[in-house]
Structures are given as C-alpha cells and as structure tokens.
C-alpha cells in the first residue's frame, strides 16, 4: 500500500506531534501527580500541570523557531555536500586516457601515423 508523498508527510507530521505530546504528558504527569487516590486533580497538581505543560510548549516553540532559522543554511550545506560528492564520483568514474596504439616502426612517445593506400581508379588501374 503506497501512499502519495503528501499523505506520507502528513502521517510523519502527525506521528511526530503525537510523540512530542505523549512525552510531554508523561513528563508532566510524573512531576506533578502525586496522589492517585482520587479521580480529580488537586489544586496543586492542576497548577503544576498547567505550569509544566506551558513551559514545555514554550520551549518547543523556541526550538521550532531556532530550527526554522537554521533550516535554510542546513539545506544549503547538504546541497553543496551532495554536489561535491557527485563531482568527486563523476571524476573517479571518468575513464583514464587511453594509450595510443603503437605499431611497428613507431616510437612509443610519438603518435603513430597511418599511411593511406591510394585508391585504385580507372586511370591508374591498367
């Protein structure tokens, strides 16, 4: 079952949100809830939870702002790294210069010259 790229991105975003939300809920619960004898929260627990959730939401917003400011430079660096890697790969994959064939009577350092046989024409043939 292949989903379009947009739906996959939305699912990843939802997953990330739920992971952050679950982590925040767990942290605040462990810090603030001390009495499980009652269904309702005490005033102190409720105040602690409000404060804890507020702090985590604000810190998450600060992190997201910092990420959004750094993202363009990170993307640009990845692009330049990719281009450099692609250039190195292209250079290493390029075939080496092929040696010129050396025939009898030629010097290895010189290019071999090819003698062309004259074509036979009706005037020269006979």
N, C-alpha and C. Protein backbone atom coordinates (compact mmCIF):
# COMPACT_ATOMS: atom_id res chain seq x y z
N UNK A 1 0.85 -1.17 0.00
CA UNK A 1 0.00 0.00 0.00
C UNK A 1 0.90 1.24 0.00
N UNK A 2 1.06 1.82 -1.15
CA UNK A 2 1.87 3.03 -1.27
C UNK A 2 0.98 4.26 -1.21
N UNK A 3 1.30 5.14 -0.31
CA UNK A 3 0.57 6.39 -0.18
C UNK A 3 1.30 7.48 -0.95
N UNK A 4 0.57 8.46 -1.46
CA UNK A 4 1.26 9.59 -2.10
C UNK A 4 2.19 10.29 -1.10
N UNK A 5 3.18 10.98 -1.65
CA UNK A 5 4.20 11.63 -0.81
C UNK A 5 3.58 12.61 0.17
N UNK A 6 2.55 13.33 -0.26
CA UNK A 6 1.92 14.33 0.62
C UNK A 6 1.27 13.65 1.83
N UNK A 7 0.59 12.53 1.61
CA UNK A 7 -0.03 11.82 2.72
C UNK A 7 1.02 11.21 3.65
N UNK A 8 2.12 10.73 3.08
CA UNK A 8 3.19 10.20 3.92
C UNK A 8 3.77 11.30 4.80
N UNK A 9 3.95 12.50 4.23
CA UNK A 9 4.47 13.62 5.02
C UNK A 9 3.49 14.00 6.13
N UNK A 10 2.20 13.99 5.83
CA UNK A 10 1.20 14.31 6.85
C UNK A 10 1.22 13.27 7.97
N UNK A 11 1.37 12.00 7.61
CA UNK A 11 1.44 10.95 8.63
C UNK A 11 2.68 11.09 9.49
N UNK A 12 3.81 11.45 8.87
CA UNK A 12 5.03 11.67 9.66
C UNK A 12 4.85 12.85 10.61
N UNK A 13 4.21 13.91 10.13
CA UNK A 13 3.97 15.07 10.99
C UNK A 13 3.06 14.71 12.15
N UNK A 14 2.01 13.96 11.88
CA UNK A 14 1.09 13.54 12.94
C UNK A 14 1.82 12.65 13.95
N UNK A 15 2.64 11.74 13.45
CA UNK A 15 3.41 10.86 14.33
C UNK A 15 4.35 11.67 15.21
N UNK A 16 5.05 12.63 14.62
CA UNK A 16 5.96 13.48 15.40
C UNK A 16 5.21 14.26 16.47
N UNK A 17 4.06 14.81 16.11
CA UNK A 17 3.25 15.56 17.07
C UNK A 17 2.83 14.66 18.22
N UNK A 18 2.35 13.47 17.90
CA UNK A 18 1.88 12.56 18.95
C UNK A 18 3.03 12.11 19.85
N UNK A 19 4.20 11.90 19.30
CA UNK A 19 5.34 11.54 20.12
C UNK A 19 5.70 12.66 21.10
N UNK A 20 5.71 13.89 20.62
CA UNK A 20 6.00 15.04 21.49
C UNK A 20 4.92 15.18 22.56
N UNK A 21 3.66 15.05 22.15
CA UNK A 21 2.55 15.18 23.09
C UNK A 21 2.62 14.10 24.17
N UNK A 22 2.89 12.86 23.75
CA UNK A 22 2.97 11.76 24.73
C UNK A 22 4.13 11.96 25.69
N UNK A 23 5.25 12.41 25.18
CA UNK A 23 6.41 12.65 26.04
C UNK A 23 6.12 13.77 27.05
N UNK A 24 5.50 14.84 26.55
CA UNK A 24 5.15 15.96 27.43
C UNK A 24 4.17 15.50 28.51
N UNK A 25 3.17 14.73 28.12
CA UNK A 25 2.19 14.23 29.09
C UNK A 25 2.86 13.37 30.15
N UNK A 26 3.74 12.51 29.72
CA UNK A 26 4.44 11.63 30.67
C UNK A 26 5.31 12.43 31.65
N UNK A 27 6.07 13.39 31.11
CA UNK A 27 6.93 14.20 31.98
C UNK A 27 6.12 14.97 33.02
N UNK A 28 5.07 15.63 32.56
CA UNK A 28 4.27 16.44 33.48
C UNK A 28 3.54 15.57 34.49
N UNK A 29 3.06 14.42 34.07
CA UNK A 29 2.38 13.51 34.99
C UNK A 29 3.34 13.05 36.08
N UNK A 30 4.53 12.64 35.67
CA UNK A 30 5.49 12.15 36.66
C UNK A 30 5.93 13.24 37.63
N UNK A 31 6.01 14.48 37.17
CA UNK A 31 6.43 15.58 38.04
C UNK A 31 5.33 16.06 38.97
N UNK A 32 4.09 16.05 38.47
CA UNK A 32 3.05 16.78 39.19
C UNK A 32 2.03 15.92 39.93
N UNK A 33 1.75 14.74 39.45
CA UNK A 33 0.69 13.94 40.06
C UNK A 33 1.33 13.04 41.12
N UNK A 34 0.89 13.27 42.34
CA UNK A 34 1.49 12.52 43.45
C UNK A 34 0.48 11.64 44.16
N UNK A 35 -0.81 11.89 43.96
CA UNK A 35 -1.83 11.17 44.70
C UNK A 35 -2.81 10.55 43.70
N UNK A 36 -2.82 9.23 43.63
CA UNK A 36 -3.72 8.55 42.71
C UNK A 36 -4.97 8.01 43.40
N UNK A 37 -5.25 8.51 44.60
CA UNK A 37 -6.42 8.04 45.34
C UNK A 37 -7.72 8.66 44.85
N UNK A 38 -7.65 9.75 44.12
CA UNK A 38 -8.85 10.46 43.67
C UNK A 38 -8.83 10.60 42.16
N UNK A 39 -10.05 10.63 41.59
CA UNK A 39 -10.18 10.80 40.15
C UNK A 39 -9.82 12.22 39.73
N UNK A 40 -10.20 13.20 40.49
CA UNK A 40 -9.94 14.61 40.17
C UNK A 40 -8.56 15.01 40.67
N UNK A 41 -8.00 16.03 40.02
CA UNK A 41 -6.71 16.56 40.43
C UNK A 41 -6.88 17.52 41.60
N UNK A 42 -5.88 17.59 42.44
CA UNK A 42 -5.88 18.61 43.49
C UNK A 42 -5.50 19.94 42.85
N UNK A 43 -5.71 21.02 43.58
CA UNK A 43 -5.34 22.35 43.06
C UNK A 43 -3.86 22.43 42.77
N UNK A 44 -3.06 21.87 43.65
CA UNK A 44 -1.61 21.92 43.46
C UNK A 44 -1.19 21.14 42.21
N UNK A 45 -1.80 19.96 42.03
CA UNK A 45 -1.47 19.15 40.86
C UNK A 45 -1.89 19.87 39.57
N UNK A 46 -3.08 20.45 39.58
CA UNK A 46 -3.56 21.15 38.40
C UNK A 46 -2.68 22.35 38.06
N UNK A 47 -2.29 23.09 39.09
CA UNK A 47 -1.41 24.23 38.88
C UNK A 47 -0.06 23.79 38.34
N UNK A 48 0.47 22.72 38.90
CA UNK A 48 1.75 22.18 38.45
C UNK A 48 1.66 21.72 36.99
N UNK A 49 0.58 21.02 36.65
CA UNK A 49 0.41 20.54 35.28
C UNK A 49 0.29 21.69 34.29
N UNK A 50 -0.46 22.74 34.67
CA UNK A 50 -0.56 23.91 33.79
C UNK A 50 0.80 24.55 33.56
N UNK A 51 1.54 24.69 34.64
CA UNK A 51 2.87 25.29 34.55
C UNK A 51 3.81 24.42 33.73
N UNK A 52 3.80 23.13 33.98
CA UNK A 52 4.68 22.19 33.29
C UNK A 52 4.37 22.18 31.79
N UNK A 53 3.10 22.02 31.44
CA UNK A 53 2.71 21.99 30.03
C UNK A 53 3.05 23.32 29.36
N UNK A 54 2.81 24.43 30.04
CA UNK A 54 3.14 25.74 29.47
C UNK A 54 4.62 25.88 29.19
N UNK A 55 5.44 25.45 30.14
CA UNK A 55 6.89 25.53 29.94
C UNK A 55 7.33 24.67 28.75
N UNK A 56 6.81 23.46 28.66
CA UNK A 56 7.20 22.58 27.57
C UNK A 56 6.73 23.10 26.21
N UNK A 57 5.52 23.65 26.16
CA UNK A 57 5.01 24.21 24.91
C UNK A 57 5.86 25.40 24.48
N UNK A 58 6.19 26.29 25.42
CA UNK A 58 7.02 27.45 25.09
C UNK A 58 8.42 27.03 24.66
N UNK A 59 8.99 26.04 25.34
CA UNK A 59 10.32 25.61 24.93
C UNK A 59 10.28 24.94 23.56
N UNK A 60 9.21 24.21 23.28
CA UNK A 60 9.06 23.59 21.97
C UNK A 60 8.93 24.67 20.89
N UNK A 61 8.20 25.73 21.16
CA UNK A 61 8.08 26.84 20.20
C UNK A 61 9.43 27.50 19.95
N UNK A 62 10.21 27.70 21.00
CA UNK A 62 11.55 28.29 20.83
C UNK A 62 12.44 27.39 19.97
N UNK A 63 12.38 26.10 20.24
CA UNK A 63 13.17 25.16 19.44
C UNK A 63 12.74 25.18 17.98
N UNK A 64 11.45 25.23 17.73
CA UNK A 64 10.96 25.26 16.35
C UNK A 64 11.38 26.55 15.65
N UNK A 65 11.35 27.68 16.35
CA UNK A 65 11.81 28.95 15.73
C UNK A 65 13.29 28.86 15.38
N UNK A 66 14.08 28.33 16.29
CA UNK A 66 15.52 28.18 16.03
C UNK A 66 15.74 27.23 14.85
N UNK A 67 15.00 26.15 14.81
CA UNK A 67 15.12 25.19 13.72
C UNK A 67 14.77 25.84 12.38
N UNK A 68 13.70 26.61 12.37
CA UNK A 68 13.27 27.26 11.13
C UNK A 68 14.29 28.30 10.67
N UNK A 69 14.99 28.94 11.59
CA UNK A 69 16.02 29.90 11.21
C UNK A 69 17.26 29.19 10.67
N UNK A 70 17.59 28.04 11.23
CA UNK A 70 18.78 27.30 10.80
C UNK A 70 18.53 26.43 9.57
N UNK A 71 17.29 26.09 9.31
CA UNK A 71 16.97 25.14 8.24
C UNK A 71 17.52 25.56 6.88
N UNK A 72 17.36 26.81 6.42
CA UNK A 72 17.88 27.15 5.09
C UNK A 72 19.39 26.93 4.96
N UNK A 73 20.16 27.27 5.99
CA UNK A 73 21.60 27.05 5.90
C UNK A 73 21.94 25.57 5.93
N UNK A 74 21.18 24.76 6.68
CA UNK A 74 21.41 23.32 6.70
C UNK A 74 21.11 22.70 5.34
N UNK A 75 20.02 23.13 4.73
CA UNK A 75 19.67 22.61 3.40
C UNK A 75 20.74 23.01 2.39
N UNK A 76 21.19 24.25 2.44
CA UNK A 76 22.22 24.70 1.50
C UNK A 76 23.51 23.90 1.69
N UNK A 77 23.89 23.63 2.92
CA UNK A 77 25.09 22.85 3.18
C UNK A 77 24.94 21.42 2.66
N UNK A 78 23.77 20.83 2.84
CA UNK A 78 23.53 19.48 2.31
C UNK A 78 23.61 19.47 0.79
N UNK A 79 23.06 20.49 0.16
CA UNK A 79 23.11 20.56 -1.30
C UNK A 79 24.54 20.67 -1.78
N UNK A 80 25.33 21.54 -1.16
CA UNK A 80 26.72 21.70 -1.59
C UNK A 80 27.53 20.43 -1.31
N UNK A 81 27.26 19.74 -0.19
CA UNK A 81 27.93 18.47 0.10
C UNK A 81 27.57 17.43 -0.95
N UNK A 82 26.29 17.38 -1.31
CA UNK A 82 25.84 16.43 -2.32
C UNK A 82 26.50 16.72 -3.67
N UNK A 83 26.55 18.00 -4.04
CA UNK A 83 27.18 18.36 -5.32
C UNK A 83 28.66 18.03 -5.32
N UNK A 84 29.35 18.26 -4.22
CA UNK A 84 30.77 17.93 -4.13
C UNK A 84 30.98 16.42 -4.24
N UNK A 85 30.13 15.65 -3.58
CA UNK A 85 30.22 14.20 -3.65
C UNK A 85 29.95 13.71 -5.07
N UNK A 86 28.94 14.30 -5.70
CA UNK A 86 28.61 13.90 -7.07
C UNK A 86 29.76 14.24 -8.02
N UNK A 87 30.41 15.38 -7.82
CA UNK A 87 31.54 15.76 -8.67
C UNK A 87 32.71 14.81 -8.46
N UNK A 88 32.99 14.46 -7.21
CA UNK A 88 34.08 13.51 -6.94
C UNK A 88 33.78 12.15 -7.56
N UNK A 89 32.54 11.72 -7.47
CA UNK A 89 32.15 10.44 -8.04
C UNK A 89 32.29 10.46 -9.55
N UNK A 90 31.89 11.57 -10.17
CA UNK A 90 31.99 11.69 -11.62
C UNK A 90 33.45 11.68 -12.06
N UNK A 91 34.31 12.35 -11.31
CA UNK A 91 35.73 12.37 -11.66
C UNK A 91 36.37 11.00 -11.49
N UNK A 92 36.01 10.29 -10.45
CA UNK A 92 36.62 8.99 -10.23
C UNK A 92 36.06 7.95 -11.20
N UNK A 93 34.87 8.17 -11.72
CA UNK A 93 34.27 7.23 -12.67
C UNK A 93 34.69 7.51 -14.10
N UNK A 94 35.27 8.68 -14.38
CA UNK A 94 35.69 9.02 -15.74
C UNK A 94 36.81 8.07 -16.16
N UNK A 95 36.75 7.57 -17.42
CA UNK A 95 37.80 6.64 -17.85
C UNK A 95 39.13 7.37 -17.99
N UNK A 96 40.19 6.67 -17.69
CA UNK A 96 41.53 7.25 -17.83
C UNK A 96 41.83 7.39 -19.32
N UNK A 97 42.76 8.28 -19.65
CA UNK A 97 43.13 8.49 -21.05
C UNK A 97 43.67 7.18 -21.60
N UNK A 98 43.15 6.78 -22.74
CA UNK A 98 43.58 5.52 -23.35
C UNK A 98 44.89 5.73 -24.06
N UNK A 99 45.81 4.79 -23.97
CA UNK A 99 47.09 4.94 -24.66
C UNK A 99 46.90 4.79 -26.16
N UNK A 100 47.73 5.52 -26.90
CA UNK A 100 47.70 5.44 -28.36
C UNK A 100 48.38 4.16 -28.77
N UNK A 101 47.76 3.39 -29.66
CA UNK A 101 48.39 2.15 -30.07
C UNK A 101 49.71 2.42 -30.79
N UNK A 102 50.68 1.63 -30.46
CA UNK A 102 52.00 1.78 -31.06
C UNK A 102 52.22 0.59 -31.98
N UNK A 103 52.50 0.92 -33.21
CA UNK A 103 52.72 -0.14 -34.20
C UNK A 103 54.20 -0.30 -34.48
N UNK A 104 54.54 -1.21 -35.38
CA UNK A 104 55.94 -1.40 -35.71
C UNK A 104 56.49 -0.17 -36.41
N UNK A 105 57.67 0.20 -36.06
CA UNK A 105 58.34 1.33 -36.68
C UNK A 105 57.95 2.67 -36.10
N UNK A 106 57.21 2.70 -34.99
CA UNK A 106 56.84 3.98 -34.37
C UNK A 106 57.49 4.05 -33.01
N UNK A 107 57.65 5.23 -32.55
CA UNK A 107 58.26 5.46 -31.24
C UNK A 107 57.14 5.51 -30.22
N UNK A 108 57.29 4.91 -29.03
CA UNK A 108 56.22 4.90 -28.03
C UNK A 108 55.79 6.29 -27.60
N UNK A 109 56.65 7.28 -27.68
CA UNK A 109 56.30 8.63 -27.25
C UNK A 109 55.62 9.44 -28.34
N UNK A 110 55.63 8.95 -29.56
CA UNK A 110 55.04 9.69 -30.68
C UNK A 110 53.75 9.02 -31.11
N UNK A 111 52.91 9.83 -31.72
CA UNK A 111 51.65 9.31 -32.21
C UNK A 111 51.92 8.56 -33.51
N UNK A 112 51.31 7.42 -33.63
CA UNK A 112 51.51 6.63 -34.84
C UNK A 112 50.79 7.29 -36.00
N UNK A 113 51.47 7.35 -37.15
CA UNK A 113 50.82 7.91 -38.34
C UNK A 113 50.37 6.77 -39.21
N UNK A 114 49.28 6.98 -39.86
CA UNK A 114 48.72 5.94 -40.66
C UNK A 114 48.91 6.28 -42.14
N UNK A 115 49.47 5.39 -42.86
CA UNK A 115 49.62 5.61 -44.30
C UNK A 115 48.33 5.17 -44.96
N UNK A 116 47.86 6.01 -45.89
CA UNK A 116 46.64 5.69 -46.59
C UNK A 116 47.00 5.17 -47.96
N UNK A 117 46.50 4.04 -48.29
CA UNK A 117 46.77 3.45 -49.61
C UNK A 117 45.98 4.19 -50.66
N UNK A 118 46.62 4.50 -51.79
CA UNK A 118 45.88 5.20 -52.84
C UNK A 118 44.80 4.31 -53.38
N UNK A 119 43.69 4.94 -53.67
CA UNK A 119 42.57 4.19 -54.20
C UNK A 119 42.85 3.85 -55.67
N UNK A 120 42.34 2.78 -56.03
CA UNK A 120 42.50 2.35 -57.42
C UNK A 120 41.41 3.01 -58.25
N UNK A 121 41.80 3.76 -59.26
CA UNK A 121 40.86 4.44 -60.15
C UNK A 121 41.02 3.86 -61.54
N UNK A 122 40.06 4.08 -62.46
CA UNK A 122 40.18 3.50 -63.80
C UNK A 122 41.43 4.01 -64.51
N UNK A 123 41.88 5.25 -64.25
CA UNK A 123 43.04 5.76 -64.94
C UNK A 123 44.31 5.06 -64.45
N UNK A 124 44.37 4.75 -63.15
CA UNK A 124 45.58 4.14 -62.62
C UNK A 124 45.54 2.63 -62.71
N UNK A 125 44.43 2.11 -62.97
CA UNK A 125 44.33 0.64 -62.97
C UNK A 125 44.70 0.08 -64.33
N UNK A 126 45.44 0.17 -64.90
CA UNK A 126 45.67 -0.58 -66.09
C UNK A 126 46.39 -0.08 -67.15
